[in-house]
Amino acid sequence: MKSTMISLVLLLIPAFCGFAEDEVHMNNGKVFRGLVVEQSDSHVSVEMAIGIVTLKRSEVREIRIGTDSEVQRQQRVVANKYKDQINDLNKLARRAYEIRNSLMIARQGVPRSQESQKQRDRVYQLEMEYAQLLQEFESYRQYSGKTVVPAIYRAYKEIESKISKIEADIALENKILEGIIQKEALANQKVSDANTRLQTAVEEIETERDRLLNAGCPEQELAFAQKAISELSDGKSGPSRIPLMKNGNTYMLPVQLNRSVTDVFMLDTGASGILINKRLFHRLHLSRDKYIGNGLSTIANGQTIETEIWMIDEVRVNAFSVKNVKVIVLVDPAHDDIMPLLGGEFLNHFHYQIDPVGKNLILEPLNGRNN
């Protein structure tokens, strides 16, 4: 910690402090010490700790240039020339560190994964009990409505009652699980947003640093910016596991559109596009220039129906996003009961697989970096 503080302090020391100072002797006996950055017939400008002081040439008796080499002197002059721009660049770097701190706080707010896993285990246990009851119930179905064997009929009705109760329990526990997953998704969204802002800030620092280097600014004057780039740039993130909800043989997950609307989508790795119903489409409030054209789509039951194709700015799943995405819109409001579908239009931007045991979608961007 001490070495870090020392390095930061050193960066705040004026660039010319490591060199022999110039001296400007005035006719009245005063001496100004610093860096002579400009001389002309009318004036002499001296860079001092308090700033640049401009003196009338007619009042200057003598100028004594420091003993540093001409190369060092030129570096000092150039550094002074870019002083304000370097300060602005360092402000960007300090702001990037502040964003990094907000990212760390956001990460602390992500719920522990054990919470959703415990809830999944609870739902799975109920589903197993439900399957066993159904098997047992089938053996009694022939006694439905009959009272010829009272004991068997009572057993049949008892199982029927248990099935109704466990169906309600499963629905309730799935609702709780959905809430937990959405809470995780929102927390991860905050992390993703902060990470996006951080990487944007780092890119701005890199762009400005490169511009100053190309303009001739000494590299050592950009040490703080370079340090920020090195410490704040993200590396390869590797695959991430995204919680899924299971309903029968289908998997569902929260999907965010245009950073404003979130809904539960069915995951379909065999579908080529992204399908949304009219109800969800209206929530997006898309401008007419996002309309691409009409089309026909075949839905799960084999029916071919009329659709529209629209462009949306972003589709986001957890911390992963794809920009400028085509979506297929079911035109008829009668199809609003069809669940939105997430397919290849999003998935094909990633290496992906489904973990059926952990009920996770495993995603890794093709370029190895999260957006």
Protein backbone atom coordinates (compact mmCIF):
# COMPACT_ATOMS: atom_id res chain seq x y z
CA MET A 1 0.00 0.00 0.00
CA LYS A 2 2.85 2.35 0.87
CA SER A 3 4.55 1.86 -2.50
CA THR A 4 1.27 2.57 -4.29
CA MET A 5 0.84 5.85 -2.41
CA ILE A 6 4.40 6.87 -3.18
CA SER A 7 3.94 6.21 -6.88
CA LEU A 8 0.78 8.31 -6.95
CA VAL A 9 2.53 11.18 -5.19
CA LEU A 10 5.38 11.08 -7.67
CA LEU A 11 2.93 11.44 -10.52
CA LEU A 12 1.71 14.70 -9.04
CA ILE A 13 5.17 16.32 -8.90
CA PRO A 14 5.73 18.84 -11.74
CA ALA A 15 7.56 17.28 -14.68
CA PHE A 16 10.55 19.61 -14.46
CA CYS A 17 11.42 18.91 -10.80
CA GLY A 18 13.94 16.24 -11.69
CA PHE A 19 16.02 18.67 -13.76
CA ALA A 20 18.23 21.68 -13.16
CA GLU A 21 16.07 24.81 -13.13
CA ASP A 22 16.40 27.76 -15.45
CA GLU A 23 16.88 31.19 -13.89
CA VAL A 24 15.56 34.53 -15.15
CA HIS A 25 17.33 37.48 -13.48
CA MET A 26 15.43 40.76 -13.56
CA ASN A 27 16.80 44.29 -13.64
CA ASN A 28 15.37 44.90 -10.17
CA GLY A 29 17.29 41.95 -8.69
CA LYS A 30 14.45 39.45 -8.55
CA VAL A 31 15.13 35.91 -9.80
CA PHE A 32 12.48 33.62 -11.28
CA ARG A 33 13.37 29.91 -11.21
CA GLY A 34 11.59 27.28 -13.27
CA LEU A 35 11.40 26.23 -16.91
CA VAL A 36 11.78 28.81 -19.65
CA VAL A 37 9.13 27.66 -22.10
CA GLU A 38 9.12 30.62 -24.48
CA GLN A 39 11.38 33.53 -25.42
CA SER A 40 10.70 36.40 -27.82
CA ASP A 41 11.69 40.02 -28.31
CA SER A 42 8.74 41.13 -26.21
CA HIS A 43 8.49 38.59 -23.39
CA VAL A 44 9.86 35.55 -21.57
CA SER A 45 7.54 32.83 -20.19
CA VAL A 46 8.62 30.73 -17.21
CA GLU A 47 6.81 27.59 -15.99
CA MET A 48 6.89 27.58 -12.18
CA ALA A 49 5.15 25.57 -9.49
CA ILE A 50 2.46 28.27 -9.28
CA GLY A 51 1.93 28.24 -13.06
CA ILE A 52 3.29 30.12 -16.08
CA VAL A 53 4.71 33.58 -15.39
CA THR A 54 5.16 35.94 -18.36
CA LEU A 55 7.81 38.65 -17.99
CA LYS A 56 8.56 41.68 -20.15
CA ARG A 57 11.77 41.14 -22.06
CA SER A 58 12.83 44.75 -21.44
CA GLU A 59 12.85 44.04 -17.67
CA VAL A 60 14.98 40.90 -17.98
CA ARG A 61 18.70 41.33 -17.33
CA GLU A 62 19.87 37.73 -17.85
CA ILE A 63 18.56 34.25 -18.61
CA ARG A 64 20.52 31.27 -17.30
CA ILE A 65 19.49 27.96 -18.82
CA GLY A 66 19.76 24.86 -16.61
CA THR A 67 22.42 22.22 -17.10
CA ASP A 68 20.14 19.39 -18.24
CA SER A 69 20.76 17.98 -21.71
CA GLU A 70 19.05 19.41 -24.78
CA VAL A 71 17.03 16.18 -25.13
CA GLN A 72 15.80 16.49 -21.54
CA ARG A 73 15.00 20.12 -22.08
CA GLN A 74 12.97 19.39 -25.18
CA GLN A 75 11.06 16.76 -23.25
CA ARG A 76 10.27 19.33 -20.58
CA VAL A 77 9.11 21.86 -23.15
CA VAL A 78 6.92 19.32 -24.92
CA ALA A 79 5.49 18.08 -21.62
CA ASN A 80 4.58 21.65 -20.72
CA LYS A 81 2.94 22.09 -24.11
CA TYR A 82 0.60 19.16 -23.39
CA LYS A 83 0.15 19.89 -19.71
CA ASP A 84 -3.59 20.62 -19.85
CA GLN A 85 -4.28 17.65 -22.10
CA ILE A 86 -2.29 15.37 -19.80
CA ASN A 87 -4.30 16.66 -16.83
CA ASP A 88 -7.53 15.92 -18.71
CA LEU A 89 -6.26 12.44 -19.52
CA ASN A 90 -5.40 11.81 -15.87
CA LYS A 91 -8.92 12.93 -14.91
CA LEU A 92 -10.28 10.27 -17.26
CA ALA A 93 -8.04 7.71 -15.59
CA ARG A 94 -9.18 8.71 -12.09
CA ARG A 95 -12.80 8.50 -13.24
CA ALA A 96 -12.13 5.00 -14.58
CA TYR A 97 -10.88 3.95 -11.13
CA GLU A 98 -14.12 5.30 -9.63
CA ILE A 99 -16.13 3.19 -12.10
CA ARG A 100 -14.01 0.17 -11.15
CA ASN A 101 -14.95 0.77 -7.50
CA SER A 102 -18.66 0.90 -8.41
CA LEU A 103 -18.19 -2.36 -10.34
CA MET A 104 -16.72 -4.02 -7.25
CA ILE A 105 -19.69 -2.82 -5.16
CA ALA A 106 -22.13 -4.15 -7.80
CA ARG A 107 -20.41 -7.54 -7.71
CA GLN A 108 -20.87 -7.68 -3.95
CA GLY A 109 -24.61 -7.21 -4.52
CA VAL A 110 -24.99 -10.35 -6.65
CA PRO A 111 -26.90 -13.00 -4.64
CA ARG A 112 -25.06 -16.14 -3.75
CA SER A 113 -25.72 -18.86 -6.31
CA GLN A 114 -26.53 -21.32 -3.50
CA GLU A 115 -29.84 -19.54 -2.98
CA SER A 116 -31.16 -20.36 -6.43
CA GLN A 117 -29.59 -23.83 -6.36
CA LYS A 118 -31.37 -24.71 -3.13
CA GLN A 119 -34.64 -23.55 -4.65
CA ARG A 120 -33.99 -25.63 -7.78
CA ASP A 121 -33.36 -28.66 -5.58
CA ARG A 122 -36.66 -28.01 -3.80
CA VAL A 123 -38.57 -27.83 -7.09
CA TYR A 124 -36.78 -30.94 -8.39
CA GLN A 125 -37.74 -32.90 -5.27
CA LEU A 126 -41.38 -31.88 -5.68
CA GLU A 127 -41.30 -32.86 -9.35
CA MET A 128 -39.95 -36.31 -8.41
CA GLU A 129 -42.75 -36.78 -5.87
CA TYR A 130 -45.23 -35.62 -8.49
CA ALA A 131 -43.96 -38.17 -11.04
CA GLN A 132 -44.24 -40.98 -8.48
CA LEU A 133 -47.80 -39.97 -7.59
CA LEU A 134 -48.77 -39.92 -11.27
CA GLN A 135 -47.42 -43.43 -11.72
CA GLU A 136 -49.37 -44.63 -8.71
CA PHE A 137 -52.47 -42.74 -9.83
CA GLU A 138 -52.50 -44.47 -13.21
CA SER A 139 -52.97 -47.83 -11.51
CA TYR A 140 -56.16 -46.50 -9.83
CA ARG A 141 -57.63 -44.61 -12.79
CA GLN A 142 -60.01 -47.51 -13.64
CA TYR A 143 -61.80 -46.97 -10.31
CA SER A 144 -62.70 -43.36 -11.09
CA GLY A 145 -66.35 -42.76 -10.13
CA LYS A 146 -66.82 -46.29 -8.77
CA THR A 147 -67.63 -47.27 -5.20
CA VAL A 148 -67.66 -51.05 -5.55
CA VAL A 149 -64.35 -51.32 -3.73
CA PRO A 150 -64.48 -48.56 -1.11
CA ALA A 151 -60.92 -48.97 0.17
CA ILE A 152 -59.43 -48.77 -3.32
CA TYR A 153 -61.67 -45.87 -4.27
CA ARG A 154 -60.64 -43.95 -1.15
CA ALA A 155 -56.99 -44.54 -2.01
CA TYR A 156 -57.65 -43.26 -5.53
CA LYS A 157 -59.28 -40.06 -4.25
CA GLU A 158 -56.50 -39.55 -1.71
CA ILE A 159 -53.85 -39.73 -4.42
CA GLU A 160 -55.90 -37.41 -6.60
CA SER A 161 -55.97 -34.87 -3.75
CA LYS A 162 -52.22 -35.20 -3.20
CA ILE A 163 -51.60 -34.60 -6.91
CA SER A 164 -53.67 -31.42 -6.86
CA LYS A 165 -51.79 -30.14 -3.81
CA ILE A 166 -48.33 -30.94 -5.17
CA GLU A 167 -49.21 -29.28 -8.50
CA ALA A 168 -50.02 -26.11 -6.54
CA ASP A 169 -46.81 -26.46 -4.50
CA ILE A 170 -44.70 -26.85 -7.64
CA ALA A 171 -46.33 -23.79 -9.22
CA LEU A 172 -45.62 -21.75 -6.06
CA GLU A 173 -42.02 -22.92 -5.72
CA ASN A 174 -41.39 -22.23 -9.42
CA LYS A 175 -42.73 -18.72 -8.90
CA ILE A 176 -40.29 -18.25 -6.01
CA LEU A 177 -37.46 -19.64 -8.14
CA GLU A 178 -38.37 -17.30 -10.98
CA GLY A 179 -38.17 -14.35 -8.56
CA ILE A 180 -34.75 -15.46 -7.31
CA ILE A 181 -33.43 -15.87 -10.85
CA GLN A 182 -34.76 -12.47 -11.90
CA LYS A 183 -33.15 -10.94 -8.80
CA GLU A 184 -29.85 -12.57 -9.82
CA ALA A 185 -30.34 -11.38 -13.40
CA LEU A 186 -30.92 -7.77 -12.29
CA ALA A 187 -27.88 -7.87 -10.00
CA ASN A 188 -25.75 -9.32 -12.79
CA GLN A 189 -27.15 -6.66 -15.12
CA LYS A 190 -25.79 -3.96 -12.79
CA VAL A 191 -22.41 -5.68 -12.85
CA SER A 192 -22.50 -5.89 -16.63
CA ASP A 193 -23.48 -2.21 -17.01
CA ALA A 194 -20.66 -1.10 -14.72
CA ASN A 195 -18.21 -3.33 -16.57
CA THR A 196 -19.35 -1.86 -19.92
CA ARG A 197 -18.87 1.68 -18.61
CA LEU A 198 -15.43 0.74 -17.30
CA GLN A 199 -14.25 -0.73 -20.58
CA THR A 200 -15.62 2.29 -22.47
CA ALA A 201 -13.64 4.56 -20.16
CA VAL A 202 -10.48 2.50 -20.70
CA GLU A 203 -10.93 2.73 -24.47
CA GLU A 204 -11.24 6.52 -24.19
CA ILE A 205 -8.02 6.64 -22.17
CA GLU A 206 -6.24 4.47 -24.74
CA THR A 207 -7.44 6.65 -27.63
CA GLU A 208 -6.31 9.89 -25.97
CA ARG A 209 -2.99 8.38 -24.86
CA ASP A 210 -2.24 7.24 -28.42
CA ARG A 211 -3.17 10.66 -29.78
CA LEU A 212 -0.78 12.42 -27.41
CA LEU A 213 2.03 9.95 -28.15
CA ASN A 214 1.59 10.46 -31.89
CA ALA A 215 1.64 14.23 -31.34
CA GLY A 216 5.04 13.98 -29.66
CA CYS A 217 4.16 13.97 -25.96
CA PRO A 218 6.89 12.13 -23.96
CA GLU A 219 5.80 8.65 -22.94
CA GLN A 220 6.86 9.12 -19.32
CA GLU A 221 4.36 11.97 -18.95
CA LEU A 222 1.55 9.49 -19.62
CA ALA A 223 2.57 7.04 -16.89
CA PHE A 224 -0.62 7.40 -14.85
CA ALA A 225 -2.83 6.80 -17.88
CA GLN A 226 -0.76 3.77 -18.87
CA LYS A 227 -1.03 2.41 -15.34
CA ALA A 228 -4.82 2.79 -15.47
CA ILE A 229 -5.02 1.01 -18.83
CA SER A 230 -2.92 -1.86 -17.51
CA GLU A 231 -4.85 -2.28 -14.26
CA LEU A 232 -8.39 -1.70 -15.50
CA SER A 233 -8.45 -3.55 -18.82
CA ASP A 234 -10.37 -6.80 -18.64
CA GLY A 235 -8.92 -10.04 -19.85
CA LYS A 236 -10.55 -13.15 -21.21
CA SER A 237 -13.58 -13.89 -19.13
CA GLY A 238 -14.12 -17.53 -20.07
CA PRO A 239 -17.49 -19.31 -19.98
CA SER A 240 -20.27 -18.17 -17.65
CA ARG A 241 -23.18 -20.14 -16.25
CA ILE A 242 -26.62 -18.55 -16.51
CA PRO A 243 -29.45 -20.01 -14.40
CA LEU A 244 -32.37 -21.56 -16.30
CA MET A 245 -35.94 -22.31 -15.27
CA LYS A 246 -37.32 -25.66 -16.42
CA ASN A 247 -40.94 -26.25 -17.40
CA GLY A 248 -41.52 -29.78 -18.60
CA ASN A 249 -39.03 -30.36 -21.40
CA THR A 250 -38.37 -26.66 -22.02
CA TYR A 251 -35.93 -24.21 -20.46
CA MET A 252 -36.73 -20.57 -19.79
CA LEU A 253 -34.66 -17.54 -18.82
CA PRO A 254 -35.02 -13.75 -18.41
CA VAL A 255 -34.07 -11.75 -21.53
CA GLN A 256 -33.74 -7.98 -21.72
CA LEU A 257 -34.55 -6.04 -24.89
CA ASN A 258 -33.20 -2.54 -25.57
CA ARG A 259 -32.09 -2.23 -21.93
CA SER A 260 -35.68 -1.41 -20.97
CA VAL A 261 -37.98 -4.44 -21.22
CA THR A 262 -37.34 -7.80 -19.52
CA ASP A 263 -39.48 -10.90 -20.06
CA VAL A 264 -39.16 -14.66 -19.69
CA PHE A 265 -38.20 -16.37 -22.97
CA MET A 266 -38.18 -20.02 -23.93
CA LEU A 267 -34.68 -21.16 -24.93
CA ASP A 268 -34.71 -22.99 -28.30
CA THR A 269 -31.28 -23.98 -29.62
CA GLY A 270 -32.92 -25.38 -32.75
CA ALA A 271 -34.61 -22.13 -33.75
CA SER A 272 -32.81 -19.72 -36.06
CA GLY A 273 -34.38 -16.48 -34.84
CA ILE A 274 -35.85 -14.58 -31.92
CA LEU A 275 -39.65 -14.61 -31.67
CA ILE A 276 -41.78 -12.20 -29.64
CA ASN A 277 -45.54 -11.75 -29.37
CA LYS A 278 -47.50 -8.57 -30.03
CA ARG A 279 -47.90 -7.85 -26.32
CA LEU A 280 -44.15 -7.72 -25.78
CA PHE A 281 -43.63 -5.81 -29.02
CA HIS A 282 -45.90 -2.99 -27.84
CA ARG A 283 -43.83 -2.60 -24.65
CA LEU A 284 -40.74 -1.81 -26.75
CA HIS A 285 -42.24 1.31 -28.41
CA LEU A 286 -40.07 0.88 -31.53
CA SER A 287 -39.92 3.68 -34.10
CA ARG A 288 -41.12 2.91 -37.63
CA ASP A 289 -37.58 3.07 -39.03
CA LYS A 290 -36.85 -0.18 -37.17
CA TYR A 291 -39.36 -2.05 -39.36
CA ILE A 292 -37.75 -4.39 -41.93
CA GLY A 293 -40.64 -6.22 -43.59
CA ASN A 294 -43.29 -8.96 -43.49
CA GLY A 295 -42.76 -12.69 -43.36
CA LEU A 296 -44.22 -16.09 -42.55
CA SER A 297 -43.12 -18.30 -39.66
CA THR A 298 -43.88 -21.85 -38.65
CA ILE A 299 -44.55 -22.25 -34.93
CA ALA A 300 -44.19 -25.34 -32.73
CA ASN A 301 -47.55 -26.88 -33.66
CA GLY A 302 -46.64 -26.73 -37.35
CA GLN A 303 -48.95 -23.81 -38.14
CA THR A 304 -47.63 -21.16 -40.55
CA ILE A 305 -48.59 -17.64 -39.47
CA GLU A 306 -48.03 -14.07 -40.59
CA THR A 307 -45.18 -12.19 -38.92
CA GLU A 308 -43.24 -8.93 -39.10
CA ILE A 309 -39.50 -8.46 -38.86
CA TRP A 310 -38.11 -5.59 -36.78
CA MET A 311 -34.63 -4.47 -35.74
CA ILE A 312 -33.92 -3.80 -32.07
CA ASP A 313 -30.79 -2.19 -30.67
CA GLU A 314 -29.78 -4.84 -28.16
CA VAL A 315 -30.68 -8.25 -26.77
CA ARG A 316 -29.11 -9.02 -23.40
CA VAL A 317 -28.98 -12.23 -21.38
CA ASN A 318 -27.37 -11.78 -17.99
CA ALA A 319 -24.00 -10.09 -18.73
CA PHE A 320 -24.00 -10.99 -22.45
CA SER A 321 -25.43 -8.78 -25.18
CA VAL A 322 -25.78 -8.67 -28.97
CA LYS A 323 -26.30 -5.38 -30.81
CA ASN A 324 -28.62 -4.71 -33.77
CA VAL A 325 -30.69 -7.87 -33.71
CA LYS A 326 -33.61 -8.90 -35.93
CA VAL A 327 -36.69 -10.14 -34.12
CA ILE A 328 -39.77 -11.87 -35.53
CA VAL A 329 -43.05 -10.40 -34.26
CA LEU A 330 -46.30 -12.39 -34.18
CA VAL A 331 -48.77 -9.96 -35.74
CA ASP A 332 -52.03 -11.46 -34.46
CA PRO A 333 -52.79 -10.57 -30.79
CA ALA A 334 -54.50 -13.98 -30.59
CA HIS A 335 -50.99 -15.45 -30.39
CA ASP A 336 -50.05 -13.44 -27.28
CA ASP A 337 -50.18 -16.67 -25.28
CA ILE A 338 -47.17 -17.96 -27.24
CA MET A 339 -44.07 -17.52 -25.10
CA PRO A 340 -41.23 -15.38 -26.55
CA LEU A 341 -38.46 -17.55 -27.98
CA LEU A 342 -34.68 -17.05 -27.93
CA GLY A 343 -32.81 -18.81 -30.75
CA GLY A 344 -29.83 -18.62 -33.05
CA GLU A 345 -30.06 -14.89 -33.80
CA PHE A 346 -28.61 -14.45 -30.29
CA LEU A 347 -26.98 -17.81 -29.51
CA ASN A 348 -24.86 -17.96 -32.67
CA HIS A 349 -22.70 -15.12 -31.31
CA PHE A 350 -21.45 -17.46 -28.57
CA HIS A 351 -20.09 -20.88 -27.78
CA TYR A 352 -23.03 -22.33 -25.87
CA GLN A 353 -24.33 -25.50 -24.28
CA ILE A 354 -27.04 -26.48 -21.81
CA ASP A 355 -26.12 -28.16 -18.53
CA PRO A 356 -29.25 -30.25 -17.79
CA VAL A 357 -27.99 -31.32 -14.35
CA GLY A 358 -27.25 -27.85 -13.03
CA LYS A 359 -29.99 -26.31 -15.19
CA ASN A 360 -27.61 -23.71 -16.58
CA LEU A 361 -26.93 -22.15 -19.96
CA ILE A 362 -23.16 -22.03 -20.44
CA LEU A 363 -22.11 -19.09 -22.61
CA GLU A 364 -18.72 -17.92 -23.85
CA PRO A 365 -18.38 -15.16 -26.47
CA LEU A 366 -16.71 -16.24 -29.70
CA ASN A 367 -14.01 -13.59 -29.17
CA GLY A 368 -13.40 -14.70 -25.59
CA ARG A 369 -14.60 -11.43 -24.04
CA ASN A 370 -17.88 -10.46 -22.42
CA ASN A 371 -19.64 -7.32 -23.66
